[in-house]
Amino acid sequence: MRTSLPTVSRLLDALRLGRFWRNRDGVAAVEFAMIVPVMFVLFVGSVEFSQALTVDRRVTQIASSAADLVARTKSISTSEVSSIFEISNHLMQPYTTTPLKITIVNVVANATDATNTTVCWSQNYQGGVTNYSNGQSYTLPTGIVQAGESVIVAEVAYAYTPILFNYFMPGTTNLTETFYLKPRLSASIEYNGVKCS
């Protein structure tokens, strides 16, 4: 009789286990508990992605607007370029402007060689994307400028830090844009009354 006790207890365990597997009470709660973390990560990820995409669009808009405002003039001053930078701050709202960097450059091509391009003048905002000195060589994409002409280049960079995922994945993504526009009213734009040569 002693040998049958373990068999009976195994049979009872199997019956209890069988009842457990057949019991469907609480299955929805368990499935919900398993899917909630996945849904949360997908939701937060989509919010972060849309925020980053919006900031990237603002960076592009700032680059095109800054280049366009400079290209519409024959002559511009330091204070007028500073006003363009202030406009850029407003375009960035409601996002912080602390990581925003802008460089506006007037690049002039040699009178006989369009591939020989140099910086006529530049002005930076919040340290700028790149510091250029007058006369420094500047490489432009092929076909942007003709010999003896100039082009306005607006370089914009923004170090985007995730709002929600910063706690899970710290770090920044550098969003950059470079925009090229030819001056509309003259071959080059005077800066503080000084012509480009």
C-alpha atoms as a PDB file:
ATOM      1  CA  MET A   1       0.000   0.000   0.000  1.00  0.00           C
ATOM      2  CA  ARG A   2       2.877   2.342   0.579  1.00  0.00           C
ATOM      3  CA  THR A   3       3.838   2.248  -3.079  1.00  0.00           C
ATOM      4  CA  SER A   4       0.452   3.544  -4.170  1.00  0.00           C
ATOM      5  CA  LEU A   5       0.630   6.768  -2.097  1.00  0.00           C
ATOM      6  CA  PRO A   6       3.132   8.520  -4.346  1.00  0.00           C
ATOM      7  CA  THR A   7       1.118   7.445  -7.361  1.00  0.00           C
ATOM      8  CA  VAL A   8      -2.090   8.878  -5.862  1.00  0.00           C
ATOM      9  CA  SER A   9      -0.369  12.129  -4.924  1.00  0.00           C
ATOM     10  CA  ARG A  10       1.077  12.389  -8.449  1.00  0.00           C
ATOM     11  CA  LEU A  11      -2.376  11.785  -9.866  1.00  0.00           C
ATOM     12  CA  LEU A  12      -3.850  14.502  -7.625  1.00  0.00           C
ATOM     13  CA  ASP A  13      -1.057  16.874  -8.650  1.00  0.00           C
ATOM     14  CA  ALA A  14      -1.769  16.133 -12.301  1.00  0.00           C
ATOM     15  CA  LEU A  15      -5.477  16.791 -11.758  1.00  0.00           C
ATOM     16  CA  ARG A  16      -4.724  20.103 -10.047  1.00  0.00           C
ATOM     17  CA  LEU A  17      -2.296  21.032 -12.808  1.00  0.00           C
ATOM     18  CA  GLY A  18      -4.871  20.045 -15.420  1.00  0.00           C
ATOM     19  CA  ARG A  19      -7.469  22.225 -13.743  1.00  0.00           C
ATOM     20  CA  PHE A  20      -4.975  25.050 -13.638  1.00  0.00           C
ATOM     21  CA  TRP A  21      -4.299  24.797 -17.393  1.00  0.00           C
ATOM     22  CA  ARG A  22      -7.987  24.609 -18.216  1.00  0.00           C
ATOM     23  CA  ASN A  23      -8.868  27.552 -15.989  1.00  0.00           C
ATOM     24  CA  ARG A  24      -9.171  30.709 -18.155  1.00  0.00           C
ATOM     25  CA  ASP A  25      -9.960  33.130 -15.312  1.00  0.00           C
ATOM     26  CA  GLY A  26      -7.473  36.019 -15.329  1.00  0.00           C
ATOM     27  CA  VAL A  27      -5.969  35.275 -18.751  1.00  0.00           C
ATOM     28  CA  ALA A  28      -6.880  38.741 -20.014  1.00  0.00           C
ATOM     29  CA  ALA A  29      -5.217  40.349 -16.993  1.00  0.00           C
ATOM     30  CA  VAL A  30      -2.029  38.364 -17.545  1.00  0.00           C
ATOM     31  CA  GLU A  31      -1.990  39.193 -21.265  1.00  0.00           C
ATOM     32  CA  PHE A  32      -2.599  42.867 -20.472  1.00  0.00           C
ATOM     33  CA  ALA A  33       0.251  42.874 -17.940  1.00  0.00           C
ATOM     34  CA  MET A  34       2.552  41.384 -20.572  1.00  0.00           C
ATOM     35  CA  ILE A  35       1.590  43.820 -23.355  1.00  0.00           C
ATOM     36  CA  VAL A  36       1.541  47.081 -21.309  1.00  0.00           C
ATOM     37  CA  PRO A  37       5.349  47.537 -21.193  1.00  0.00           C
ATOM     38  CA  VAL A  38       5.561  46.983 -24.958  1.00  0.00           C
ATOM     39  CA  MET A  39       2.722  49.438 -25.582  1.00  0.00           C
ATOM     40  CA  PHE A  40       4.350  52.006 -23.285  1.00  0.00           C
ATOM     41  CA  VAL A  41       7.703  51.789 -25.061  1.00  0.00           C
ATOM     42  CA  LEU A  42       6.003  52.081 -28.470  1.00  0.00           C
ATOM     43  CA  PHE A  43       3.982  55.095 -27.331  1.00  0.00           C
ATOM     44  CA  VAL A  44       6.932  56.921 -25.792  1.00  0.00           C
ATOM     45  CA  GLY A  45       9.079  56.046 -28.805  1.00  0.00           C
ATOM     46  CA  SER A  46       6.529  57.469 -31.225  1.00  0.00           C
ATOM     47  CA  VAL A  47       6.252  60.661 -29.144  1.00  0.00           C
ATOM     48  CA  GLU A  48      10.048  61.037 -29.100  1.00  0.00           C
ATOM     49  CA  PHE A  49      10.305  60.367 -32.832  1.00  0.00           C
ATOM     50  CA  SER A  50       7.647  62.959 -33.654  1.00  0.00           C
ATOM     51  CA  GLN A  51       9.343  65.527 -31.381  1.00  0.00           C
ATOM     52  CA  ALA A  52      12.722  64.924 -33.035  1.00  0.00           C
ATOM     53  CA  LEU A  53      11.126  65.179 -36.478  1.00  0.00           C
ATOM     54  CA  THR A  54       9.476  68.485 -35.545  1.00  0.00           C
ATOM     55  CA  VAL A  55      12.756  69.916 -34.245  1.00  0.00           C
ATOM     56  CA  ASP A  56      14.520  68.762 -37.427  1.00  0.00           C
ATOM     57  CA  ARG A  57      11.910  70.592 -39.518  1.00  0.00           C
ATOM     58  CA  ARG A  58      12.482  73.726 -37.440  1.00  0.00           C
ATOM     59  CA  VAL A  59      16.235  73.471 -38.053  1.00  0.00           C
ATOM     60  CA  THR A  60      15.588  73.278 -41.811  1.00  0.00           C
ATOM     61  CA  GLN A  61      13.177  76.218 -41.622  1.00  0.00           C
ATOM     62  CA  ILE A  62      15.706  78.322 -39.704  1.00  0.00           C
ATOM     63  CA  ALA A  63      18.448  77.589 -42.259  1.00  0.00           C
ATOM     64  CA  SER A  64      16.244  78.494 -45.231  1.00  0.00           C
ATOM     65  CA  SER A  65      14.766  81.597 -43.556  1.00  0.00           C
ATOM     66  CA  ALA A  66      18.128  82.958 -42.399  1.00  0.00           C
ATOM     67  CA  ALA A  67      19.716  82.485 -45.835  1.00  0.00           C
ATOM     68  CA  ASP A  68      16.662  83.985 -47.542  1.00  0.00           C
ATOM     69  CA  LEU A  69      16.574  87.096 -45.337  1.00  0.00           C
ATOM     70  CA  VAL A  70      20.266  87.786 -45.961  1.00  0.00           C
ATOM     71  CA  ALA A  71      20.024  87.072 -49.712  1.00  0.00           C
ATOM     72  CA  ARG A  72      17.260  89.704 -50.117  1.00  0.00           C
ATOM     73  CA  THR A  73      19.592  92.597 -49.293  1.00  0.00           C
ATOM     74  CA  LYS A  74      22.446  94.447 -51.020  1.00  0.00           C
ATOM     75  CA  SER A  75      24.118  95.351 -47.757  1.00  0.00           C
ATOM     76  CA  ILE A  76      23.757  94.054 -44.214  1.00  0.00           C
ATOM     77  CA  SER A  77      25.149  94.998 -40.811  1.00  0.00           C
ATOM     78  CA  THR A  78      26.126  93.021 -37.743  1.00  0.00           C
ATOM     79  CA  SER A  79      22.996  94.201 -35.912  1.00  0.00           C
ATOM     80  CA  GLU A  80      20.746  93.157 -38.816  1.00  0.00           C
ATOM     81  CA  VAL A  81      22.244  89.662 -38.824  1.00  0.00           C
ATOM     82  CA  SER A  82      21.756  89.569 -35.039  1.00  0.00           C
ATOM     83  CA  SER A  83      18.085  90.405 -35.635  1.00  0.00           C
ATOM     84  CA  ILE A  84      17.869  87.452 -38.030  1.00  0.00           C
ATOM     85  CA  PHE A  85      19.292  85.270 -35.262  1.00  0.00           C
ATOM     86  CA  GLU A  86      16.556  86.557 -32.922  1.00  0.00           C
ATOM     87  CA  ILE A  87      13.938  85.641 -35.523  1.00  0.00           C
ATOM     88  CA  SER A  88      15.485  82.168 -35.579  1.00  0.00           C
ATOM     89  CA  ASN A  89      14.945  81.956 -31.818  1.00  0.00           C
ATOM     90  CA  HIS A  90      11.248  82.612 -32.344  1.00  0.00           C
ATOM     91  CA  LEU A  91      11.051  79.991 -35.100  1.00  0.00           C
ATOM     92  CA  MET A  92      12.465  77.423 -32.679  1.00  0.00           C
ATOM     93  CA  GLN A  93       9.736  77.993 -30.059  1.00  0.00           C
ATOM     94  CA  PRO A  94       8.432  76.189 -27.989  1.00  0.00           C
ATOM     95  CA  TYR A  95      11.682  74.216 -27.973  1.00  0.00           C
ATOM     96  CA  THR A  96      14.716  75.469 -26.096  1.00  0.00           C
ATOM     97  CA  THR A  97      17.175  77.562 -28.102  1.00  0.00           C
ATOM     98  CA  THR A  98      20.179  76.815 -25.895  1.00  0.00           C
ATOM     99  CA  PRO A  99      21.571  74.055 -28.186  1.00  0.00           C
ATOM    100  CA  LEU A 100      20.888  76.093 -31.369  1.00  0.00           C
ATOM    101  CA  LYS A 101      23.982  77.203 -33.317  1.00  0.00           C
ATOM    102  CA  ILE A 102      23.927  79.231 -36.537  1.00  0.00           C
ATOM    103  CA  THR A 103      26.624  80.418 -38.922  1.00  0.00           C
ATOM    104  CA  ILE A 104      25.851  82.704 -41.866  1.00  0.00           C
ATOM    105  CA  VAL A 105      28.608  82.943 -44.473  1.00  0.00           C
ATOM    106  CA  ASN A 106      28.980  84.925 -47.687  1.00  0.00           C
ATOM    107  CA  VAL A 107      31.171  82.806 -49.977  1.00  0.00           C
ATOM    108  CA  VAL A 108      32.658  84.424 -53.091  1.00  0.00           C
ATOM    109  CA  ALA A 109      33.977  82.644 -56.184  1.00  0.00           C
ATOM    110  CA  ASN A 110      37.128  83.837 -57.940  1.00  0.00           C
ATOM    111  CA  ALA A 111      36.476  86.067 -60.973  1.00  0.00           C
ATOM    112  CA  THR A 112      37.965  83.458 -63.338  1.00  0.00           C
ATOM    113  CA  ASP A 113      37.591  80.152 -61.448  1.00  0.00           C
ATOM    114  CA  ALA A 114      34.255  79.139 -59.890  1.00  0.00           C
ATOM    115  CA  THR A 115      35.913  76.306 -57.953  1.00  0.00           C
ATOM    116  CA  ASN A 116      38.178  78.753 -56.090  1.00  0.00           C
ATOM    117  CA  THR A 117      35.790  79.995 -53.392  1.00  0.00           C
ATOM    118  CA  THR A 118      36.623  81.951 -50.247  1.00  0.00           C
ATOM    119  CA  VAL A 119      34.798  83.436 -47.280  1.00  0.00           C
ATOM    120  CA  CYS A 120      34.011  87.136 -47.699  1.00  0.00           C
ATOM    121  CA  TRP A 121      32.394  87.483 -44.271  1.00  0.00           C
ATOM    122  CA  SER A 122      30.637  85.350 -41.655  1.00  0.00           C
ATOM    123  CA  GLN A 123      28.742  85.807 -38.422  1.00  0.00           C
ATOM    124  CA  ASN A 124      27.995  83.225 -35.723  1.00  0.00           C
ATOM    125  CA  TYR A 125      25.193  82.752 -33.236  1.00  0.00           C
ATOM    126  CA  GLN A 126      25.911  80.987 -29.922  1.00  0.00           C
ATOM    127  CA  GLY A 127      29.382  79.992 -31.048  1.00  0.00           C
ATOM    128  CA  GLY A 128      28.232  79.050 -34.535  1.00  0.00           C
ATOM    129  CA  VAL A 129      28.493  75.757 -36.346  1.00  0.00           C
ATOM    130  CA  THR A 130      31.969  76.562 -37.695  1.00  0.00           C
ATOM    131  CA  ASN A 131      34.229  79.585 -37.223  1.00  0.00           C
ATOM    132  CA  TYR A 132      35.433  81.101 -40.493  1.00  0.00           C
ATOM    133  CA  SER A 133      37.894  83.896 -41.076  1.00  0.00           C
ATOM    134  CA  ASN A 134      37.729  86.288 -44.014  1.00  0.00           C
ATOM    135  CA  GLY A 135      39.644  84.968 -47.018  1.00  0.00           C
ATOM    136  CA  GLN A 136      39.525  81.382 -45.779  1.00  0.00           C
ATOM    137  CA  SER A 137      38.899  78.741 -48.449  1.00  0.00           C
ATOM    138  CA  TYR A 138      35.354  77.341 -48.465  1.00  0.00           C
ATOM    139  CA  THR A 139      34.314  74.251 -50.412  1.00  0.00           C
ATOM    140  CA  LEU A 140      30.914  74.476 -52.105  1.00  0.00           C
ATOM    141  CA  PRO A 141      29.002  71.740 -53.907  1.00  0.00           C
ATOM    142  CA  THR A 142      29.707  71.742 -57.648  1.00  0.00           C
ATOM    143  CA  GLY A 143      27.584  74.134 -59.686  1.00  0.00           C
ATOM    144  CA  ILE A 144      26.313  76.229 -56.777  1.00  0.00           C
ATOM    145  CA  VAL A 145      28.119  79.397 -57.855  1.00  0.00           C
ATOM    146  CA  GLN A 146      29.499  80.859 -61.108  1.00  0.00           C
ATOM    147  CA  ALA A 147      32.848  82.646 -61.450  1.00  0.00           C
ATOM    148  CA  GLY A 148      32.739  86.137 -59.944  1.00  0.00           C
ATOM    149  CA  GLU A 149      29.499  85.500 -58.042  1.00  0.00           C
ATOM    150  CA  SER A 150      28.769  84.731 -54.423  1.00  0.00           C
ATOM    151  CA  VAL A 151      26.414  82.587 -52.396  1.00  0.00           C
ATOM    152  CA  ILE A 152      24.935  82.955 -48.922  1.00  0.00           C
ATOM    153  CA  VAL A 153      25.379  79.842 -46.800  1.00  0.00           C
ATOM    154  CA  ALA A 154      23.358  79.294 -43.626  1.00  0.00           C
ATOM    155  CA  GLU A 155      24.651  76.473 -41.439  1.00  0.00           C
ATOM    156  CA  VAL A 156      22.419  75.438 -38.547  1.00  0.00           C
ATOM    157  CA  ALA A 157      23.031  72.789 -35.890  1.00  0.00           C
ATOM    158  CA  TYR A 158      20.863  71.703 -32.978  1.00  0.00           C
ATOM    159  CA  ALA A 159      21.865  69.187 -30.308  1.00  0.00           C
ATOM    160  CA  TYR A 160      18.539  67.423 -29.685  1.00  0.00           C
ATOM    161  CA  THR A 161      18.132  65.691 -26.337  1.00  0.00           C
ATOM    162  CA  PRO A 162      15.158  63.326 -25.988  1.00  0.00           C
ATOM    163  CA  ILE A 163      12.482  64.531 -23.602  1.00  0.00           C
ATOM    164  CA  LEU A 164      11.207  61.206 -22.241  1.00  0.00           C
ATOM    165  CA  PHE A 165      13.770  58.644 -23.396  1.00  0.00           C
ATOM    166  CA  ASN A 166      16.574  60.673 -21.852  1.00  0.00           C
ATOM    167  CA  TYR A 167      16.077  58.589 -18.708  1.00  0.00           C
ATOM    168  CA  PHE A 168      16.357  55.327 -20.645  1.00  0.00           C
ATOM    169  CA  MET A 169      18.823  56.292 -23.369  1.00  0.00           C
ATOM    170  CA  PRO A 170      20.814  59.399 -22.445  1.00  0.00           C
ATOM    171  CA  GLY A 171      22.558  61.269 -25.206  1.00  0.00           C
ATOM    172  CA  THR A 172      21.988  63.817 -27.922  1.00  0.00           C
ATOM    173  CA  THR A 173      21.361  63.686 -31.645  1.00  0.00           C
ATOM    174  CA  ASN A 174      22.942  66.410 -33.745  1.00  0.00           C
ATOM    175  CA  LEU A 175      20.452  67.788 -36.254  1.00  0.00           C
ATOM    176  CA  THR A 176      22.154  69.863 -38.959  1.00  0.00           C
ATOM    177  CA  GLU A 177      21.149  71.728 -42.089  1.00  0.00           C
ATOM    178  CA  THR A 178      23.076  73.764 -44.650  1.00  0.00           C
ATOM    179  CA  PHE A 179      21.198  76.048 -47.029  1.00  0.00           C
ATOM    180  CA  TYR A 180      22.628  77.875 -50.066  1.00  0.00           C
ATOM    181  CA  LEU A 181      21.065  80.938 -51.734  1.00  0.00           C
ATOM    182  CA  LYS A 182      22.423  83.404 -54.277  1.00  0.00           C
ATOM    183  CA  PRO A 183      22.044  87.097 -53.468  1.00  0.00           C
ATOM    184  CA  ARG A 184      19.049  88.497 -55.332  1.00  0.00           C
ATOM    185  CA  LEU A 185      19.999  92.146 -55.776  1.00  0.00           C
ATOM    186  CA  SER A 186      23.784  92.083 -56.270  1.00  0.00           C
ATOM    187  CA  ALA A 187      26.698  89.760 -57.032  1.00  0.00           C
ATOM    188  CA  SER A 188      27.671  89.781 -53.354  1.00  0.00           C
ATOM    189  CA  ILE A 189      26.373  91.356 -50.165  1.00  0.00           C
ATOM    190  CA  GLU A 190      28.260  94.125 -48.394  1.00  0.00           C
ATOM    191  CA  TYR A 191      28.876  93.520 -44.706  1.00  0.00           C
ATOM    192  CA  ASN A 192      29.032  96.615 -42.478  1.00  0.00           C
ATOM    193  CA  GLY A 193      29.601  98.706 -45.618  1.00  0.00           C
ATOM    194  CA  VAL A 194      32.557  96.619 -46.859  1.00  0.00           C
ATOM    195  CA  LYS A 195      32.291  95.046 -50.316  1.00  0.00           C
ATOM    196  CA  CYS A 196      33.469  91.552 -51.114  1.00  0.00           C
ATOM    197  CA  SER A 197      36.391  91.481 -53.525  1.00  0.00           C
END
